[in-house]
N, C-alpha and C. Protein backbone atom coordinates (compact mmCIF):
# COMPACT_ATOMS: atom_id res chain seq x y z
N UNK A 1 -76.47 30.54 19.09
CA UNK A 1 -75.29 31.77 19.30
C UNK A 1 -74.00 31.04 18.57
N UNK A 2 -73.71 29.75 18.90
CA UNK A 2 -72.54 29.08 18.42
C UNK A 2 -72.32 29.16 17.03
N UNK A 3 -73.89 29.02 16.53
CA UNK A 3 -73.61 28.87 14.63
C UNK A 3 -73.26 30.16 14.17
N UNK A 4 -73.56 31.54 14.86
CA UNK A 4 -72.98 32.95 14.61
C UNK A 4 -71.66 33.00 14.76
N UNK A 5 -71.21 32.04 15.97
CA UNK A 5 -69.82 32.09 16.16
C UNK A 5 -68.86 31.73 15.03
N UNK A 6 -69.39 30.40 14.52
CA UNK A 6 -68.61 29.84 13.69
C UNK A 6 -68.62 30.70 12.22
N UNK A 7 -69.32 31.52 12.23
CA UNK A 7 -69.27 32.39 11.04
C UNK A 7 -68.23 33.42 10.98
N UNK A 8 -67.50 33.46 12.20
CA UNK A 8 -66.58 34.69 12.40
C UNK A 8 -65.45 34.05 11.98
N UNK A 9 -64.19 35.14 11.62
CA UNK A 9 -62.95 34.55 11.33
C UNK A 9 -62.31 33.98 12.50
N UNK A 10 -61.57 32.87 12.58
CA UNK A 10 -61.03 32.57 13.75
C UNK A 10 -59.92 33.68 14.37
N UNK A 11 -59.30 34.34 13.27
CA UNK A 11 -58.39 35.62 14.04
C UNK A 11 -59.45 36.66 14.88
N UNK A 12 -60.46 36.82 14.45
CA UNK A 12 -61.34 37.56 15.36
C UNK A 12 -61.97 37.03 16.59
N UNK A 13 -62.01 35.63 16.75
CA UNK A 13 -62.39 34.95 17.88
C UNK A 13 -61.51 34.95 18.82
N UNK A 14 -59.96 34.73 18.22
CA UNK A 14 -58.71 34.93 19.02
C UNK A 14 -58.40 36.23 19.75
N UNK A 15 -58.70 37.03 18.85
CA UNK A 15 -58.46 38.56 19.38
C UNK A 15 -59.40 38.66 20.67
N UNK A 16 -60.86 38.21 20.65
CA UNK A 16 -61.55 38.51 21.68
C UNK A 16 -61.27 37.57 22.68
N UNK A 17 -60.85 36.52 22.45
CA UNK A 17 -60.35 35.44 23.56
C UNK A 17 -59.06 36.02 24.36
N UNK A 18 -58.19 36.65 23.58
CA UNK A 18 -57.08 37.25 24.29
C UNK A 18 -57.23 38.61 24.87
N UNK A 19 -58.13 39.41 24.49
CA UNK A 19 -58.23 40.97 24.86
C UNK A 19 -59.43 41.08 25.66
N UNK A 20 -60.45 40.28 25.44
CA UNK A 20 -61.86 40.68 25.98
C UNK A 20 -62.55 41.49 25.42
N UNK A 21 -62.26 42.11 24.33
CA UNK A 21 -62.99 42.96 23.58
C UNK A 21 -62.94 42.64 22.11
N UNK A 22 -63.84 43.49 21.33
CA UNK A 22 -64.01 43.35 19.83
C UNK A 22 -62.78 44.28 19.24
N UNK A 23 -62.47 43.46 18.00
CA UNK A 23 -61.26 44.47 17.31
C UNK A 23 -61.83 45.75 16.71
N UNK A 24 -61.28 46.64 16.66
CA UNK A 24 -61.44 48.09 16.29
C UNK A 24 -62.11 47.80 14.64
N UNK A 25 -61.53 46.84 14.07
CA UNK A 25 -61.74 46.61 12.69
C UNK A 25 -62.96 46.15 12.30
N UNK A 26 -63.76 45.58 13.15
CA UNK A 26 -64.83 45.07 12.95
C UNK A 26 -65.88 45.15 13.90
N UNK A 27 -67.15 45.38 13.57
CA UNK A 27 -68.45 45.68 14.33
C UNK A 27 -68.69 44.21 14.85
N UNK A 28 -68.77 44.28 15.93
CA UNK A 28 -69.30 42.77 16.82
C UNK A 28 -70.19 43.29 17.74
N UNK A 29 -71.42 42.57 17.66
CA UNK A 29 -72.53 42.95 18.66
C UNK A 29 -71.81 42.78 20.23
N UNK A 30 -72.16 43.58 21.26
CA UNK A 30 -71.65 43.37 22.57
C UNK A 30 -71.98 41.89 23.19
N UNK A 31 -73.38 41.50 22.80
CA UNK A 31 -73.57 40.09 23.44
C UNK A 31 -72.41 38.94 22.70
N UNK A 32 -72.12 39.23 21.49
CA UNK A 32 -71.28 38.23 20.88
C UNK A 32 -70.12 38.56 21.64
N UNK A 33 -69.44 39.43 21.99
CA UNK A 33 -68.26 39.59 22.64
C UNK A 33 -68.38 38.84 23.95
N UNK A 34 -69.67 39.24 24.81
CA UNK A 34 -69.65 38.35 26.01
C UNK A 34 -69.75 36.94 25.98
N UNK A 35 -70.39 36.57 24.80
CA UNK A 35 -70.62 34.98 24.62
C UNK A 35 -69.15 34.30 24.22
N UNK A 36 -68.48 35.12 23.65
CA UNK A 36 -66.96 34.69 23.42
C UNK A 36 -66.15 34.62 24.95
N UNK A 37 -66.28 35.60 25.67
CA UNK A 37 -65.72 35.70 26.76
C UNK A 37 -66.06 34.47 27.80
N UNK A 38 -67.38 34.30 27.85
CA UNK A 38 -67.93 33.10 28.50
C UNK A 38 -67.29 31.89 28.15
N UNK A 39 -67.59 31.64 26.63
CA UNK A 39 -67.04 30.39 26.23
C UNK A 39 -65.38 30.20 26.22
N UNK A 40 -64.63 31.34 26.39
CA UNK A 40 -63.30 31.25 26.75
C UNK A 40 -63.05 30.86 27.90
N UNK A 41 -63.88 31.44 28.92
CA UNK A 41 -63.82 30.83 30.32
C UNK A 41 -63.97 29.32 30.46
N UNK A 42 -65.18 29.16 29.79
CA UNK A 42 -65.50 27.52 29.74
C UNK A 42 -64.51 26.69 29.25
N UNK A 43 -64.10 26.95 27.92
CA UNK A 43 -63.01 26.40 27.48
C UNK A 43 -61.97 25.90 28.73
N UNK A 44 -61.47 26.89 29.37
CA UNK A 44 -60.47 26.69 30.32
C UNK A 44 -60.95 25.74 31.12
N UNK A 45 -62.23 25.81 31.81
CA UNK A 45 -62.64 24.68 33.01
C UNK A 45 -63.02 23.60 32.20
N UNK A 46 -63.56 23.31 30.90
CA UNK A 46 -63.46 22.18 30.44
C UNK A 46 -62.25 21.16 30.40
N UNK A 47 -61.32 22.29 30.34
CA UNK A 47 -59.96 21.29 30.21
C UNK A 47 -59.44 21.13 31.74
N UNK A 48 -59.81 21.82 32.64
CA UNK A 48 -59.42 21.72 33.94
C UNK A 48 -60.02 20.64 34.73
N UNK A 49 -61.61 20.48 34.65
CA UNK A 49 -62.50 19.95 35.10
C UNK A 49 -62.92 18.34 34.88
N UNK A 50 -63.27 17.25 35.85
CA UNK A 50 -63.52 16.09 35.20
C UNK A 50 -64.92 15.92 34.50
N UNK A 51 -65.75 16.91 34.78
CA UNK A 51 -67.15 16.68 34.30
C UNK A 51 -67.64 18.07 33.64
N UNK A 52 -68.59 17.92 32.93
CA UNK A 52 -69.33 19.24 32.28
C UNK A 52 -69.89 19.97 33.33
N UNK A 53 -70.77 19.13 34.33
CA UNK A 53 -71.21 19.91 35.51
C UNK A 53 -70.32 20.69 36.23
N UNK A 54 -69.23 20.33 36.52
CA UNK A 54 -68.26 20.89 37.41
C UNK A 54 -67.88 22.28 36.76
N UNK A 55 -67.54 22.11 35.17
CA UNK A 55 -67.10 23.30 34.50
C UNK A 55 -68.31 24.32 34.54
N UNK A 56 -69.11 23.75 34.62
CA UNK A 56 -70.47 24.68 34.14
C UNK A 56 -70.70 25.60 35.67
N UNK A 57 -70.44 24.74 36.91
CA UNK A 57 -70.64 25.44 38.35
C UNK A 57 -69.39 26.38 38.40
N UNK A 58 -68.32 26.17 37.76
CA UNK A 58 -67.18 26.99 38.10
C UNK A 58 -67.61 28.38 37.09
N UNK A 59 -68.31 28.23 36.02
CA UNK A 59 -68.56 29.35 35.13
C UNK A 59 -69.57 30.24 35.82
N UNK A 60 -70.48 29.43 36.46
CA UNK A 60 -71.60 30.40 37.12
C UNK A 60 -70.98 31.18 38.09
N UNK A 61 -70.07 30.62 38.89
CA UNK A 61 -69.24 31.40 39.99
C UNK A 61 -68.69 32.69 39.26
N UNK A 62 -68.30 32.54 38.02
CA UNK A 62 -67.44 33.92 37.46
C UNK A 62 -68.79 34.42 36.99
N UNK A 63 -69.73 34.02 36.44
CA UNK A 63 -71.03 34.89 35.90
C UNK A 63 -72.35 34.37 36.61
N UNK A 64 -72.41 35.22 37.84
CA UNK A 64 -73.74 34.82 38.76
C UNK A 64 -74.89 34.98 37.93
N UNK A 65 -74.98 35.95 37.17
CA UNK A 65 -76.08 36.15 36.33
C UNK A 65 -76.58 35.28 35.43
N UNK A 66 -75.88 34.43 35.13
CA UNK A 66 -76.14 33.24 34.25
C UNK A 66 -76.80 32.03 35.16
N UNK A 67 -77.87 31.39 34.46
CA UNK A 67 -78.48 30.56 34.91
C UNK A 67 -77.51 28.86 34.92
N UNK A 68 -77.75 28.09 35.57
CA UNK A 68 -76.93 26.81 35.37
C UNK A 68 -77.13 26.24 34.14
N UNK A 69 -78.22 26.16 33.77
CA UNK A 69 -78.69 25.53 32.29
C UNK A 69 -77.96 26.22 31.19
N UNK A 70 -77.73 27.66 31.33
CA UNK A 70 -76.97 28.36 30.54
C UNK A 70 -75.28 28.32 30.73
N UNK A 71 -75.01 28.04 31.76
CA UNK A 71 -73.67 27.63 31.88
C UNK A 71 -73.25 26.36 31.46
N UNK A 72 -74.10 25.32 31.48
CA UNK A 72 -73.96 23.93 30.98
C UNK A 72 -74.15 24.15 29.51
N UNK A 73 -74.84 24.86 28.80
CA UNK A 73 -75.10 24.97 27.45
C UNK A 73 -73.60 25.83 26.74
N UNK A 74 -73.03 26.96 27.93
CA UNK A 74 -71.69 27.20 27.47
C UNK A 74 -70.49 26.24 27.39
N UNK A 75 -70.53 25.63 28.23
CA UNK A 75 -69.56 24.48 28.66
C UNK A 75 -69.70 23.18 27.14
N UNK A 76 -70.99 23.28 26.78
CA UNK A 76 -71.25 22.24 25.87
C UNK A 76 -70.71 22.98 24.62
N UNK A 77 -70.85 24.21 24.29
CA UNK A 77 -70.75 25.03 23.25
C UNK A 77 -68.83 25.16 23.13
N UNK A 78 -68.29 25.17 24.53
CA UNK A 78 -66.81 25.08 24.44
C UNK A 78 -66.18 23.74 24.18
N UNK A 79 -66.91 22.70 24.26
CA UNK A 79 -66.63 21.11 23.84
C UNK A 79 -66.49 21.38 22.44
N UNK A 80 -67.66 22.00 21.79
CA UNK A 80 -67.79 21.80 20.22
C UNK A 80 -66.81 22.60 19.67
N UNK A 81 -66.56 23.87 20.31
CA UNK A 81 -65.41 24.86 19.63
C UNK A 81 -64.00 24.21 19.69
N UNK A 82 -63.84 23.36 20.94
CA UNK A 82 -62.33 22.77 21.05
C UNK A 82 -62.40 21.60 20.13
N UNK A 83 -63.56 21.15 19.81
CA UNK A 83 -63.35 19.91 18.75
C UNK A 83 -63.40 20.52 17.50
N UNK A 84 -63.61 21.65 17.23
CA UNK A 84 -63.74 22.17 15.77
C UNK A 84 -62.38 22.59 15.71
N UNK A 85 -61.62 22.86 16.68
CA UNK A 85 -60.00 23.30 16.51
C UNK A 85 -59.26 22.23 17.00
N UNK A 86 -59.66 20.99 17.08
CA UNK A 86 -59.01 19.74 17.22
C UNK A 86 -58.16 19.74 18.71
N UNK A 87 -58.69 20.53 19.67
CA UNK A 87 -58.10 20.65 20.98
C UNK A 87 -58.81 19.93 22.13
N UNK A 88 -59.04 18.83 21.91
CA UNK A 88 -59.99 18.15 22.94
C UNK A 88 -59.49 16.77 23.03
N UNK A 89 -59.26 16.27 24.02
CA UNK A 89 -58.68 14.87 24.19
C UNK A 89 -59.77 13.86 24.20
N UNK A 90 -59.61 12.47 24.32
CA UNK A 90 -60.74 11.52 24.17
C UNK A 90 -61.25 11.38 25.63
N UNK A 91 -60.34 11.64 26.60
CA UNK A 91 -61.05 11.65 27.87
C UNK A 91 -62.09 12.57 28.05
N UNK A 92 -61.77 13.89 27.78
CA UNK A 92 -62.79 15.00 27.57
C UNK A 92 -63.95 14.73 27.10
N UNK A 93 -63.76 14.06 25.96
CA UNK A 93 -64.93 13.56 25.34
C UNK A 93 -65.99 12.37 25.87
N UNK A 94 -65.19 11.58 26.51
CA UNK A 94 -65.85 10.52 27.32
C UNK A 94 -66.54 11.10 28.43
N UNK A 95 -65.93 12.11 29.23
CA UNK A 95 -66.62 12.73 30.32
C UNK A 95 -67.82 13.53 29.94
N UNK A 96 -67.66 14.29 28.57
CA UNK A 96 -68.93 14.94 28.09
C UNK A 96 -70.10 14.15 27.88
N UNK A 97 -69.80 12.84 27.36
CA UNK A 97 -70.90 11.85 27.13
C UNK A 97 -71.29 11.53 28.38
N UNK A 98 -70.70 11.06 29.42
CA UNK A 98 -71.03 10.62 30.56
C UNK A 98 -71.92 11.71 31.21
N UNK A 99 -71.55 12.95 31.14
CA UNK A 99 -72.51 14.02 31.84
C UNK A 99 -73.84 14.11 31.04
N UNK A 100 -73.84 14.06 29.79
CA UNK A 100 -75.05 13.82 28.73
C UNK A 100 -75.82 12.78 29.13
N UNK A 101 -75.31 11.59 29.58
CA UNK A 101 -76.11 10.30 30.00
C UNK A 101 -76.75 10.38 31.24
N UNK A 102 -76.05 11.17 32.27
CA UNK A 102 -76.50 11.52 33.58
C UNK A 102 -77.68 12.24 33.46
N UNK A 103 -77.60 13.42 32.47
CA UNK A 103 -78.85 14.43 32.22
C UNK A 103 -80.14 13.65 31.84
N UNK A 104 -79.67 12.87 30.83
CA UNK A 104 -80.68 11.75 30.37
C UNK A 104 -81.51 10.78 31.27
N UNK A 105 -80.85 10.44 32.30
CA UNK A 105 -81.21 9.72 33.41
C UNK A 105 -81.96 10.47 34.33
N UNK A 106 -81.76 11.53 34.53
CA UNK A 106 -82.66 12.51 35.23
C UNK A 106 -83.82 12.78 34.59
N UNK A 107 -83.92 12.97 33.54
CA UNK A 107 -85.12 13.33 32.59
C UNK A 107 -85.93 11.87 32.67
N UNK A 108 -85.40 10.73 32.29
CA UNK A 108 -86.20 9.62 32.37
C UNK A 108 -86.68 9.39 33.90
N UNK A 109 -85.80 9.62 34.94
CA UNK A 109 -86.35 9.22 36.30
C UNK A 109 -87.54 10.17 36.53
N UNK A 110 -87.50 11.53 35.93
CA UNK A 110 -88.48 12.31 36.23
C UNK A 110 -89.95 11.82 35.49
N UNK A 111 -89.84 11.25 34.41
CA UNK A 111 -90.86 10.85 33.69
C UNK A 111 -91.24 9.15 34.12
N UNK A 112 -90.55 8.83 34.94
CA UNK A 112 -90.83 7.39 35.83
C UNK A 112 -90.52 6.23 35.04
N UNK A 113 -89.49 6.44 33.93
CA UNK A 113 -88.93 5.55 32.97
C UNK A 113 -87.74 4.99 33.39
N UNK A 114 -87.82 4.14 34.84
CA UNK A 114 -86.75 3.41 35.50
C UNK A 114 -85.84 2.84 34.70
N UNK A 115 -86.38 1.86 33.82
CA UNK A 115 -85.56 1.23 32.82
C UNK A 115 -84.33 1.72 32.20
N UNK A 116 -85.05 3.14 31.49
CA UNK A 116 -84.25 4.06 30.69
C UNK A 116 -82.93 4.75 31.53
N UNK A 117 -83.65 5.20 32.76
CA UNK A 117 -82.72 5.90 33.55
C UNK A 117 -81.45 4.74 34.06
N UNK A 118 -81.76 3.49 34.27
CA UNK A 118 -81.00 2.67 34.57
C UNK A 118 -79.75 2.49 33.52
N UNK A 119 -80.42 2.34 32.29
CA UNK A 119 -79.44 2.24 31.03
C UNK A 119 -78.33 3.52 30.96
N UNK A 120 -79.31 4.68 31.29
CA UNK A 120 -78.39 5.71 30.90
C UNK A 120 -77.27 6.14 31.97
N UNK A 121 -77.75 5.74 33.22
CA UNK A 121 -76.50 5.46 34.31
C UNK A 121 -75.40 4.61 34.10
N UNK A 122 -75.68 3.55 33.63
CA UNK A 122 -74.95 2.29 33.25
C UNK A 122 -74.01 2.72 32.24
N UNK A 123 -74.52 3.57 31.02
CA UNK A 123 -73.65 4.00 30.21
C UNK A 123 -72.73 5.18 30.78
N UNK A 124 -73.21 6.12 31.51
CA UNK A 124 -72.41 7.12 31.97
C UNK A 124 -71.30 6.52 32.78
N UNK A 125 -71.47 5.39 33.45
CA UNK A 125 -70.59 4.79 34.34
C UNK A 125 -69.37 4.21 33.18
N UNK A 126 -69.83 3.55 31.95
CA UNK A 126 -69.09 3.20 31.27
C UNK A 126 -68.11 4.00 30.85
N UNK A 127 -68.61 5.35 30.48
CA UNK A 127 -67.87 6.43 29.93
C UNK A 127 -66.74 6.94 30.90
N UNK A 128 -67.47 7.01 32.13
CA UNK A 128 -66.50 7.52 33.13
C UNK A 128 -65.27 6.46 33.40
N UNK A 129 -65.70 5.37 33.35
CA UNK A 129 -64.66 4.08 33.68
C UNK A 129 -63.66 4.17 32.85
N UNK A 130 -63.80 4.45 31.61
CA UNK A 130 -63.08 4.24 30.31
C UNK A 130 -62.12 5.54 30.35
N UNK A 131 -62.79 6.70 30.89
CA UNK A 131 -61.87 8.14 30.90
C UNK A 131 -61.05 7.88 32.07
N UNK A 132 -61.31 7.09 33.12
CA UNK A 132 -60.18 6.90 34.58
C UNK A 132 -59.12 5.90 33.95
N UNK A 133 -59.41 5.07 33.22
CA UNK A 133 -58.36 3.98 32.94
C UNK A 133 -57.44 4.62 32.29
N UNK A 134 -57.38 5.65 31.47
CA UNK A 134 -56.42 6.37 30.75
C UNK A 134 -55.46 7.25 31.38
N UNK A 135 -56.18 7.47 32.87
CA UNK A 135 -55.39 8.58 33.74
C UNK A 135 -54.55 7.75 34.64
N UNK A 136 -54.71 6.31 34.81
CA UNK A 136 -53.72 5.46 35.41
C UNK A 136 -52.52 5.14 34.66
N UNK A 137 -51.35 5.49 35.42
CA UNK A 137 -49.98 5.37 34.96
C UNK A 137 -49.82 3.71 34.58
N UNK A 138 -49.85 3.33 33.43
CA UNK A 138 -49.57 1.88 32.87
C UNK A 138 -48.64 1.17 33.68
N UNK A 139 -47.45 1.89 33.94
CA UNK A 139 -46.39 1.23 34.56
C UNK A 139 -46.55 0.73 35.99
N UNK A 140 -47.48 1.62 36.52
CA UNK A 140 -47.68 1.07 38.08
C UNK A 140 -48.63 -0.04 38.27
N UNK A 141 -49.37 -0.40 37.00
CA UNK A 141 -50.23 -1.62 37.11
C UNK A 141 -49.60 -2.82 36.32
N UNK A 142 -48.18 -2.75 35.93
CA UNK A 142 -47.79 -4.11 35.51
C UNK A 142 -46.80 -4.52 36.50
N UNK A 143 -46.87 -5.92 36.39
CA UNK A 143 -46.07 -6.51 37.35
C UNK A 143 -44.71 -6.55 37.19
N UNK A 144 -43.98 -6.45 38.32
CA UNK A 144 -42.39 -6.21 38.27
C UNK A 144 -41.88 -7.46 38.83
N UNK A 145 -41.10 -8.25 37.99
CA UNK A 145 -40.47 -9.44 38.43
C UNK A 145 -39.63 -9.01 39.68
N UNK A 146 -39.58 -9.99 40.52
CA UNK A 146 -38.73 -10.23 41.77
C UNK A 146 -38.14 -11.53 41.63
N UNK A 147 -36.65 -11.34 42.21
CA UNK A 147 -35.91 -12.41 41.90
C UNK A 147 -35.94 -13.31 43.21
N UNK A 148 -35.89 -12.73 44.32
CA UNK A 148 -36.31 -13.53 45.65
C UNK A 148 -37.24 -13.12 46.16
N UNK A 149 -37.85 -14.20 47.05
CA UNK A 149 -39.18 -14.04 47.73
C UNK A 149 -38.77 -14.18 49.24
N UNK A 150 -39.21 -13.70 50.12
CA UNK A 150 -38.97 -13.69 51.57
C UNK A 150 -38.94 -15.09 52.32
N UNK A 151 -39.98 -15.69 51.84
CA UNK A 151 -39.95 -17.15 52.08
C UNK A 151 -38.97 -18.21 51.75
N UNK A 152 -38.16 -17.84 50.70
CA UNK A 152 -37.27 -18.83 50.22
C UNK A 152 -36.00 -18.58 50.76
N UNK A 153 -35.37 -19.77 51.36
CA UNK A 153 -34.06 -19.44 51.90
C UNK A 153 -33.10 -20.30 51.24
N UNK A 154 -31.83 -19.90 51.40
CA UNK A 154 -30.80 -20.70 50.89
C UNK A 154 -30.60 -21.79 51.09
N UNK A 155 -31.02 -22.45 52.34
CA UNK A 155 -30.86 -23.82 52.77
C UNK A 155 -32.05 -24.50 51.69
N UNK A 156 -33.23 -23.86 51.46
CA UNK A 156 -34.16 -24.75 50.66
C UNK A 156 -33.77 -24.79 49.37
N UNK A 157 -32.80 -23.91 48.84
CA UNK A 157 -32.37 -23.69 47.66
C UNK A 157 -31.08 -24.57 47.15
N UNK A 158 -30.85 -25.10 48.48
CA UNK A 158 -29.45 -26.05 48.26
C UNK A 158 -28.11 -25.35 48.18
N UNK A 159 -28.26 -24.03 48.73
CA UNK A 159 -26.73 -23.38 48.87
C UNK A 159 -26.31 -23.49 50.47
N UNK A 160 -25.17 -23.70 50.47
CA UNK A 160 -24.70 -23.93 51.72
C UNK A 160 -23.22 -22.91 52.09
N UNK A 161 -23.55 -21.92 52.92
CA UNK A 161 -22.16 -21.15 53.25
C UNK A 161 -21.87 -19.98 52.49
N UNK A 162 -21.23 -19.21 52.74
CA UNK A 162 -20.89 -17.86 51.95
C UNK A 162 -20.32 -18.03 50.45
N UNK A 163 -19.65 -19.08 50.31
CA UNK A 163 -19.30 -19.63 48.78
C UNK A 163 -20.41 -19.65 48.07
N UNK A 164 -21.49 -20.39 48.90
CA UNK A 164 -22.54 -20.75 47.85
C UNK A 164 -23.41 -19.47 47.57
N UNK A 165 -23.60 -18.62 48.39
CA UNK A 165 -24.27 -17.05 48.14
C UNK A 165 -23.56 -16.24 47.28
N UNK A 166 -22.05 -16.67 47.36
CA UNK A 166 -21.43 -15.78 46.31
C UNK A 166 -21.76 -16.27 44.83
N UNK A 167 -21.87 -17.37 44.81
CA UNK A 167 -22.17 -18.28 43.66
C UNK A 167 -23.38 -17.62 43.03
N UNK A 168 -24.52 -17.65 43.81
CA UNK A 168 -25.65 -17.51 43.55
C UNK A 168 -26.08 -16.22 43.09
N UNK A 169 -25.11 -15.17 43.63
CA UNK A 169 -25.00 -13.67 43.25
C UNK A 169 -24.65 -13.69 41.98
N UNK A 170 -23.51 -14.27 41.78
CA UNK A 170 -22.79 -14.15 40.40
C UNK A 170 -23.74 -14.61 39.19
N UNK A 171 -24.33 -15.73 39.62
CA UNK A 171 -25.07 -16.46 38.50
C UNK A 171 -26.51 -15.49 38.24
N UNK A 172 -26.99 -14.82 39.41
CA UNK A 172 -28.01 -14.01 39.09
C UNK A 172 -27.84 -12.75 38.43
N UNK A 173 -26.36 -12.15 38.69
CA UNK A 173 -26.02 -10.97 38.09
C UNK A 173 -25.89 -11.25 36.58
N UNK A 174 -25.19 -12.52 36.27
CA UNK A 174 -24.85 -12.90 34.86
C UNK A 174 -26.31 -12.95 34.03
N UNK A 175 -27.34 -13.67 35.01
CA UNK A 175 -28.68 -13.76 34.17
C UNK A 175 -29.15 -12.43 33.81
N UNK A 176 -29.04 -11.40 34.51
CA UNK A 176 -29.51 -10.22 34.50
C UNK A 176 -29.02 -9.34 33.32
N UNK A 177 -27.82 -9.68 33.37
CA UNK A 177 -26.92 -8.89 32.15
C UNK A 177 -27.15 -9.54 30.78
N UNK A 178 -27.40 -10.91 30.91
CA UNK A 178 -27.62 -11.58 29.48
C UNK A 178 -29.14 -11.27 28.88
N UNK A 179 -30.00 -10.70 29.80
CA UNK A 179 -31.45 -10.35 29.31
C UNK A 179 -31.20 -9.24 28.32
N UNK A 180 -31.78 -9.39 27.08
CA UNK A 180 -31.56 -8.33 26.34
C UNK A 180 -33.26 -7.50 26.19
N UNK A 181 -34.30 -8.11 26.66
CA UNK A 181 -35.43 -7.44 26.82
C UNK A 181 -35.74 -6.51 27.88
N UNK A 182 -34.73 -6.50 28.82
CA UNK A 182 -34.80 -5.47 29.89
C UNK A 182 -33.88 -4.00 29.55
N UNK A 183 -34.35 -3.19 30.12
CA UNK A 183 -34.10 -1.64 29.80
C UNK A 183 -32.80 -1.51 30.71
N UNK A 184 -32.12 -0.53 30.42
CA UNK A 184 -30.82 -0.27 31.46
C UNK A 184 -31.39 -0.15 32.82
N UNK A 185 -32.65 0.71 32.99
CA UNK A 185 -32.79 1.21 34.15
C UNK A 185 -33.60 -0.14 34.98
N UNK A 186 -34.30 -1.06 34.33
CA UNK A 186 -34.65 -1.99 34.96
C UNK A 186 -33.55 -2.91 35.56
N UNK A 187 -32.22 -3.29 34.61
CA UNK A 187 -31.45 -3.84 35.01
C UNK A 187 -30.67 -3.31 36.16
N UNK A 188 -30.51 -2.03 36.23
CA UNK A 188 -29.92 -1.42 37.46
C UNK A 188 -30.77 -1.77 38.72
N UNK A 189 -32.21 -1.79 38.54
CA UNK A 189 -32.99 -2.09 39.62
C UNK A 189 -32.63 -3.43 40.01
N UNK A 190 -32.96 -4.21 39.31
CA UNK A 190 -32.87 -5.69 39.77
C UNK A 190 -31.10 -5.77 40.32
N UNK A 191 -30.32 -5.26 39.76
CA UNK A 191 -28.79 -5.41 40.18
C UNK A 191 -28.64 -4.83 41.73
N UNK A 192 -29.24 -3.91 41.66
CA UNK A 192 -29.69 -3.29 43.23
C UNK A 192 -30.29 -4.11 44.06
N UNK A 193 -31.41 -4.69 43.74
CA UNK A 193 -31.87 -5.73 44.35
C UNK A 193 -31.33 -7.12 44.78
N UNK A 194 -30.32 -7.51 44.03
CA UNK A 194 -29.55 -8.55 44.46
C UNK A 194 -28.54 -8.25 45.39
N UNK A 195 -28.04 -6.89 45.23
CA UNK A 195 -26.90 -6.67 45.99
C UNK A 195 -27.51 -6.47 47.31
N UNK A 196 -28.81 -6.01 47.55
CA UNK A 196 -29.23 -5.81 48.66
C UNK A 196 -29.76 -7.14 49.55
N UNK A 197 -30.13 -8.22 48.57
CA UNK A 197 -30.63 -9.41 49.43
C UNK A 197 -29.14 -10.30 49.37
N UNK A 198 -28.40 -10.36 48.62
CA UNK A 198 -27.17 -11.15 48.57
C UNK A 198 -25.84 -10.52 48.95
N UNK A 199 -25.66 -9.30 48.94
CA UNK A 199 -24.55 -8.44 49.31
C UNK A 199 -23.62 -9.35 49.53
């Protein structure tokens, strides 16, 4: 069915996706209109869900008369459709391949080929892990330099009295100001930390 869809003009497909019915200017079989509507819903779910399987399950909730296999096929067609129109992220591809590898693992397990099932599961885990790495905010994983440690006391640093703390504060602030590699936000954060610690 997808090969027939690709023969249609993109404007016709977009019209059916937006309105849910065939344009009056062209005769489109009802099963193709229904297929495009299912594909449209699958495109939405593929974009929202973390796996092809979950997208297929949500599609089956909308179309209970479809088998889960047909829904998985529609979700796979949605991936192809989105790819043809360059509308799919690298992570969605990784999750798509992870689902395929899990399906292959099931088939290998049913055949009793444990070694192949294990390889497929390991590959699926690689794809899933690669997709999840891109979801983590890289700023949260980077080390943020801290100027003072709680176990370092002024006495251990050789600073005595209020005048010594004042000198330390001024020196720390001048070091922060002199750093060209720090963003204004990071400088402000470090200065705030100095004020809190050495006030």
